[in-house]
């Protein structure tokens, strides 16, 4: 099952969704979660600031991993993209399993409005996008 999920993530373009979740994470962090309580407020003006900032953050993350890959010798078989992406995915799985172990009643729709869930989804998308960065 995990192989199919990773296969779908590999084929889809997750960068726009990652950028949107980074924007959402930045806005939630700046408003201390107030955006989730009242989405139609003056705080939506922060979108004009955080949109380009999130795009730049994602862009420079990809450039940074690509530069790490270019610093490797030609005969080296490792690639930093899948290595960092897999490490981030392992952190996401630890968070998910920890949450499920502490909340045996399972998942509910109220979880979707929690800031930590937004941060978790952002980290999951970042790991998927990082895994796609190949060496050549």
C-alpha atoms as a PDB file:
ATOM      1  CA  UNK A   1       0.000   0.000   0.000  1.00  0.00           C
ATOM      2  CA  UNK A   2       2.811   2.422   0.844  1.00  0.00           C
ATOM      3  CA  UNK A   3       4.443   1.613  -2.496  1.00  0.00           C
ATOM      4  CA  UNK A   4       1.288   2.656  -4.357  1.00  0.00           C
ATOM      5  CA  UNK A   5       1.017   5.906  -2.370  1.00  0.00           C
ATOM      6  CA  UNK A   6       4.659   6.751  -3.051  1.00  0.00           C
ATOM      7  CA  UNK A   7       4.161   5.860  -6.732  1.00  0.00           C
ATOM      8  CA  UNK A   8       1.255   8.295  -7.012  1.00  0.00           C
ATOM      9  CA  UNK A   9       3.246  11.021  -5.243  1.00  0.00           C
ATOM     10  CA  UNK A  10       6.153  10.401  -7.612  1.00  0.00           C
ATOM     11  CA  UNK A  11       4.004  10.921 -10.711  1.00  0.00           C
ATOM     12  CA  UNK A  12       2.009  13.940  -9.564  1.00  0.00           C
ATOM     13  CA  UNK A  13       3.214  17.517  -9.392  1.00  0.00           C
ATOM     14  CA  UNK A  14       3.117  18.255  -5.682  1.00  0.00           C
ATOM     15  CA  UNK A  15       4.993  21.568  -5.860  1.00  0.00           C
ATOM     16  CA  UNK A  16       1.882  23.815  -6.187  1.00  0.00           C
ATOM     17  CA  UNK A  17       0.166  21.963  -3.347  1.00  0.00           C
ATOM     18  CA  UNK A  18       3.339  22.201  -1.261  1.00  0.00           C
ATOM     19  CA  UNK A  19       3.508  25.943  -1.906  1.00  0.00           C
ATOM     20  CA  UNK A  20      -0.136  26.330  -0.881  1.00  0.00           C
ATOM     21  CA  UNK A  21       0.445  24.393   2.340  1.00  0.00           C
ATOM     22  CA  UNK A  22       3.564  26.432   3.129  1.00  0.00           C
ATOM     23  CA  UNK A  23       1.465  29.595   2.691  1.00  0.00           C
ATOM     24  CA  UNK A  24      -1.223  28.136   4.939  1.00  0.00           C
ATOM     25  CA  UNK A  25       1.347  27.100   7.550  1.00  0.00           C
ATOM     26  CA  UNK A  26       2.963  30.534   7.555  1.00  0.00           C
ATOM     27  CA  UNK A  27      -0.430  32.238   7.879  1.00  0.00           C
ATOM     28  CA  UNK A  28      -1.520  29.966  10.720  1.00  0.00           C
ATOM     29  CA  UNK A  29       1.767  30.530  12.532  1.00  0.00           C
ATOM     30  CA  UNK A  30       1.551  34.320  12.073  1.00  0.00           C
ATOM     31  CA  UNK A  31      -2.032  34.508  13.321  1.00  0.00           C
ATOM     32  CA  UNK A  32      -1.610  31.941  16.144  1.00  0.00           C
ATOM     33  CA  UNK A  33      -4.322  29.789  14.587  1.00  0.00           C
ATOM     34  CA  UNK A  34      -6.781  32.662  14.294  1.00  0.00           C
ATOM     35  CA  UNK A  35      -7.105  32.045  10.585  1.00  0.00           C
ATOM     36  CA  UNK A  36      -8.636  28.628  11.270  1.00  0.00           C
ATOM     37  CA  UNK A  37     -11.243  30.140  13.598  1.00  0.00           C
ATOM     38  CA  UNK A  38     -12.228  33.000  11.268  1.00  0.00           C
ATOM     39  CA  UNK A  39     -11.061  32.555   7.664  1.00  0.00           C
ATOM     40  CA  UNK A  40     -12.805  35.716   6.427  1.00  0.00           C
ATOM     41  CA  UNK A  41     -10.883  38.438   8.227  1.00  0.00           C
ATOM     42  CA  UNK A  42      -8.290  41.116   7.659  1.00  0.00           C
ATOM     43  CA  UNK A  43      -5.615  38.505   8.266  1.00  0.00           C
ATOM     44  CA  UNK A  44      -6.199  37.194   4.736  1.00  0.00           C
ATOM     45  CA  UNK A  45      -4.214  40.220   3.539  1.00  0.00           C
ATOM     46  CA  UNK A  46      -1.157  38.346   4.781  1.00  0.00           C
ATOM     47  CA  UNK A  47      -1.608  36.126   1.746  1.00  0.00           C
ATOM     48  CA  UNK A  48      -0.049  38.863  -0.377  1.00  0.00           C
ATOM     49  CA  UNK A  49       3.099  38.708   1.748  1.00  0.00           C
ATOM     50  CA  UNK A  50       3.301  34.992   2.431  1.00  0.00           C
ATOM     51  CA  UNK A  51       2.534  33.856  -1.132  1.00  0.00           C
ATOM     52  CA  UNK A  52       5.808  35.022  -2.685  1.00  0.00           C
ATOM     53  CA  UNK A  53       7.670  34.130   0.506  1.00  0.00           C
ATOM     54  CA  UNK A  54       6.414  30.533   0.418  1.00  0.00           C
ATOM     55  CA  UNK A  55       7.206  30.211  -3.272  1.00  0.00           C
ATOM     56  CA  UNK A  56      10.748  31.437  -2.603  1.00  0.00           C
ATOM     57  CA  UNK A  57      11.152  29.060   0.346  1.00  0.00           C
ATOM     58  CA  UNK A  58      10.142  26.037  -1.746  1.00  0.00           C
ATOM     59  CA  UNK A  59      12.279  27.192  -4.681  1.00  0.00           C
ATOM     60  CA  UNK A  60      15.396  27.703  -2.540  1.00  0.00           C
ATOM     61  CA  UNK A  61      14.863  24.373  -0.771  1.00  0.00           C
ATOM     62  CA  UNK A  62      14.935  22.614  -4.134  1.00  0.00           C
ATOM     63  CA  UNK A  63      17.950  24.661  -5.252  1.00  0.00           C
ATOM     64  CA  UNK A  64      19.727  23.825  -1.973  1.00  0.00           C
ATOM     65  CA  UNK A  65      19.194  20.084  -2.363  1.00  0.00           C
ATOM     66  CA  UNK A  66      20.253  20.294  -6.012  1.00  0.00           C
ATOM     67  CA  UNK A  67      23.457  22.085  -4.976  1.00  0.00           C
ATOM     68  CA  UNK A  68      24.115  19.404  -2.377  1.00  0.00           C
ATOM     69  CA  UNK A  69      23.749  16.818  -5.138  1.00  0.00           C
ATOM     70  CA  UNK A  70      26.137  18.712  -7.405  1.00  0.00           C
ATOM     71  CA  UNK A  71      28.806  18.748  -4.694  1.00  0.00           C
ATOM     72  CA  UNK A  72      28.999  14.951  -4.756  1.00  0.00           C
ATOM     73  CA  UNK A  73      31.747  13.256  -6.766  1.00  0.00           C
ATOM     74  CA  UNK A  74      30.728  11.733 -10.103  1.00  0.00           C
ATOM     75  CA  UNK A  75      31.395   8.156  -8.980  1.00  0.00           C
ATOM     76  CA  UNK A  76      29.225   8.498  -5.861  1.00  0.00           C
ATOM     77  CA  UNK A  77      25.927   6.615  -6.066  1.00  0.00           C
ATOM     78  CA  UNK A  78      24.041   8.561  -3.394  1.00  0.00           C
ATOM     79  CA  UNK A  79      21.577  11.352  -4.096  1.00  0.00           C
ATOM     80  CA  UNK A  80      20.578  13.802  -1.390  1.00  0.00           C
ATOM     81  CA  UNK A  81      16.995  14.233  -2.654  1.00  0.00           C
ATOM     82  CA  UNK A  82      15.721  10.714  -1.946  1.00  0.00           C
ATOM     83  CA  UNK A  83      17.858  10.492   1.194  1.00  0.00           C
ATOM     84  CA  UNK A  84      16.488  13.712   2.746  1.00  0.00           C
ATOM     85  CA  UNK A  85      12.968  13.019   1.466  1.00  0.00           C
ATOM     86  CA  UNK A  86      12.951   9.531   2.968  1.00  0.00           C
ATOM     87  CA  UNK A  87      14.213  10.909   6.277  1.00  0.00           C
ATOM     88  CA  UNK A  88      11.431  13.516   6.327  1.00  0.00           C
ATOM     89  CA  UNK A  89       8.924  10.803   5.420  1.00  0.00           C
ATOM     90  CA  UNK A  90      10.163   8.708   8.358  1.00  0.00           C
ATOM     91  CA  UNK A  91       9.576  11.690  10.672  1.00  0.00           C
ATOM     92  CA  UNK A  92       6.050  12.045   9.242  1.00  0.00           C
ATOM     93  CA  UNK A  93       5.354   8.362   9.846  1.00  0.00           C
ATOM     94  CA  UNK A  94       6.591   8.649  13.429  1.00  0.00           C
ATOM     95  CA  UNK A  95       4.247  11.606  13.996  1.00  0.00           C
ATOM     96  CA  UNK A  96       1.321   9.756  12.417  1.00  0.00           C
ATOM     97  CA  UNK A  97       1.873   6.535  14.362  1.00  0.00           C
ATOM     98  CA  UNK A  98       2.368   8.467  17.586  1.00  0.00           C
ATOM     99  CA  UNK A  99      -0.911  10.318  17.048  1.00  0.00           C
ATOM    100  CA  UNK A 100      -2.793   7.110  16.253  1.00  0.00           C
ATOM    101  CA  UNK A 101      -1.299   5.368  19.289  1.00  0.00           C
ATOM    102  CA  UNK A 102      -2.370   8.212  21.589  1.00  0.00           C
ATOM    103  CA  UNK A 103      -5.840   8.574  20.023  1.00  0.00           C
ATOM    104  CA  UNK A 104      -7.211   5.053  19.521  1.00  0.00           C
ATOM    105  CA  UNK A 105     -10.662   6.376  18.531  1.00  0.00           C
ATOM    106  CA  UNK A 106      -9.175   7.165  15.140  1.00  0.00           C
ATOM    107  CA  UNK A 107      -9.331  10.127  12.826  1.00  0.00           C
ATOM    108  CA  UNK A 108     -12.129  12.675  12.634  1.00  0.00           C
ATOM    109  CA  UNK A 109     -12.901  15.737  10.552  1.00  0.00           C
ATOM    110  CA  UNK A 110     -12.110  17.999  13.486  1.00  0.00           C
ATOM    111  CA  UNK A 111      -8.482  17.023  12.984  1.00  0.00           C
ATOM    112  CA  UNK A 112      -8.441  18.865   9.631  1.00  0.00           C
ATOM    113  CA  UNK A 113      -8.771  22.222  11.387  1.00  0.00           C
ATOM    114  CA  UNK A 114      -5.870  21.715  13.751  1.00  0.00           C
ATOM    115  CA  UNK A 115      -2.682  23.676  13.040  1.00  0.00           C
ATOM    116  CA  UNK A 116      -0.522  20.631  13.759  1.00  0.00           C
ATOM    117  CA  UNK A 117      -2.338  18.709  11.025  1.00  0.00           C
ATOM    118  CA  UNK A 118      -1.558  21.504   8.549  1.00  0.00           C
ATOM    119  CA  UNK A 119       2.101  21.426   9.607  1.00  0.00           C
ATOM    120  CA  UNK A 120       2.100  17.639   9.254  1.00  0.00           C
ATOM    121  CA  UNK A 121       0.682  17.820   5.720  1.00  0.00           C
ATOM    122  CA  UNK A 122       3.254  20.477   4.811  1.00  0.00           C
ATOM    123  CA  UNK A 123       6.074  18.265   6.054  1.00  0.00           C
ATOM    124  CA  UNK A 124       4.625  15.271   4.200  1.00  0.00           C
ATOM    125  CA  UNK A 125       4.423  17.226   0.940  1.00  0.00           C
ATOM    126  CA  UNK A 126       7.939  18.563   1.470  1.00  0.00           C
ATOM    127  CA  UNK A 127       9.211  15.011   1.875  1.00  0.00           C
ATOM    128  CA  UNK A 128       7.403  13.935  -1.320  1.00  0.00           C
ATOM    129  CA  UNK A 129       8.813  16.871  -3.288  1.00  0.00           C
ATOM    130  CA  UNK A 130      12.321  16.332  -1.896  1.00  0.00           C
ATOM    131  CA  UNK A 131      12.252  12.646  -2.802  1.00  0.00           C
ATOM    132  CA  UNK A 132      11.686  13.623  -6.455  1.00  0.00           C
ATOM    133  CA  UNK A 133      14.914  15.649  -6.652  1.00  0.00           C
ATOM    134  CA  UNK A 134      17.308  13.421  -8.532  1.00  0.00           C
ATOM    135  CA  UNK A 135      20.982  13.821  -9.064  1.00  0.00           C
ATOM    136  CA  UNK A 136      21.113  13.889 -12.862  1.00  0.00           C
END
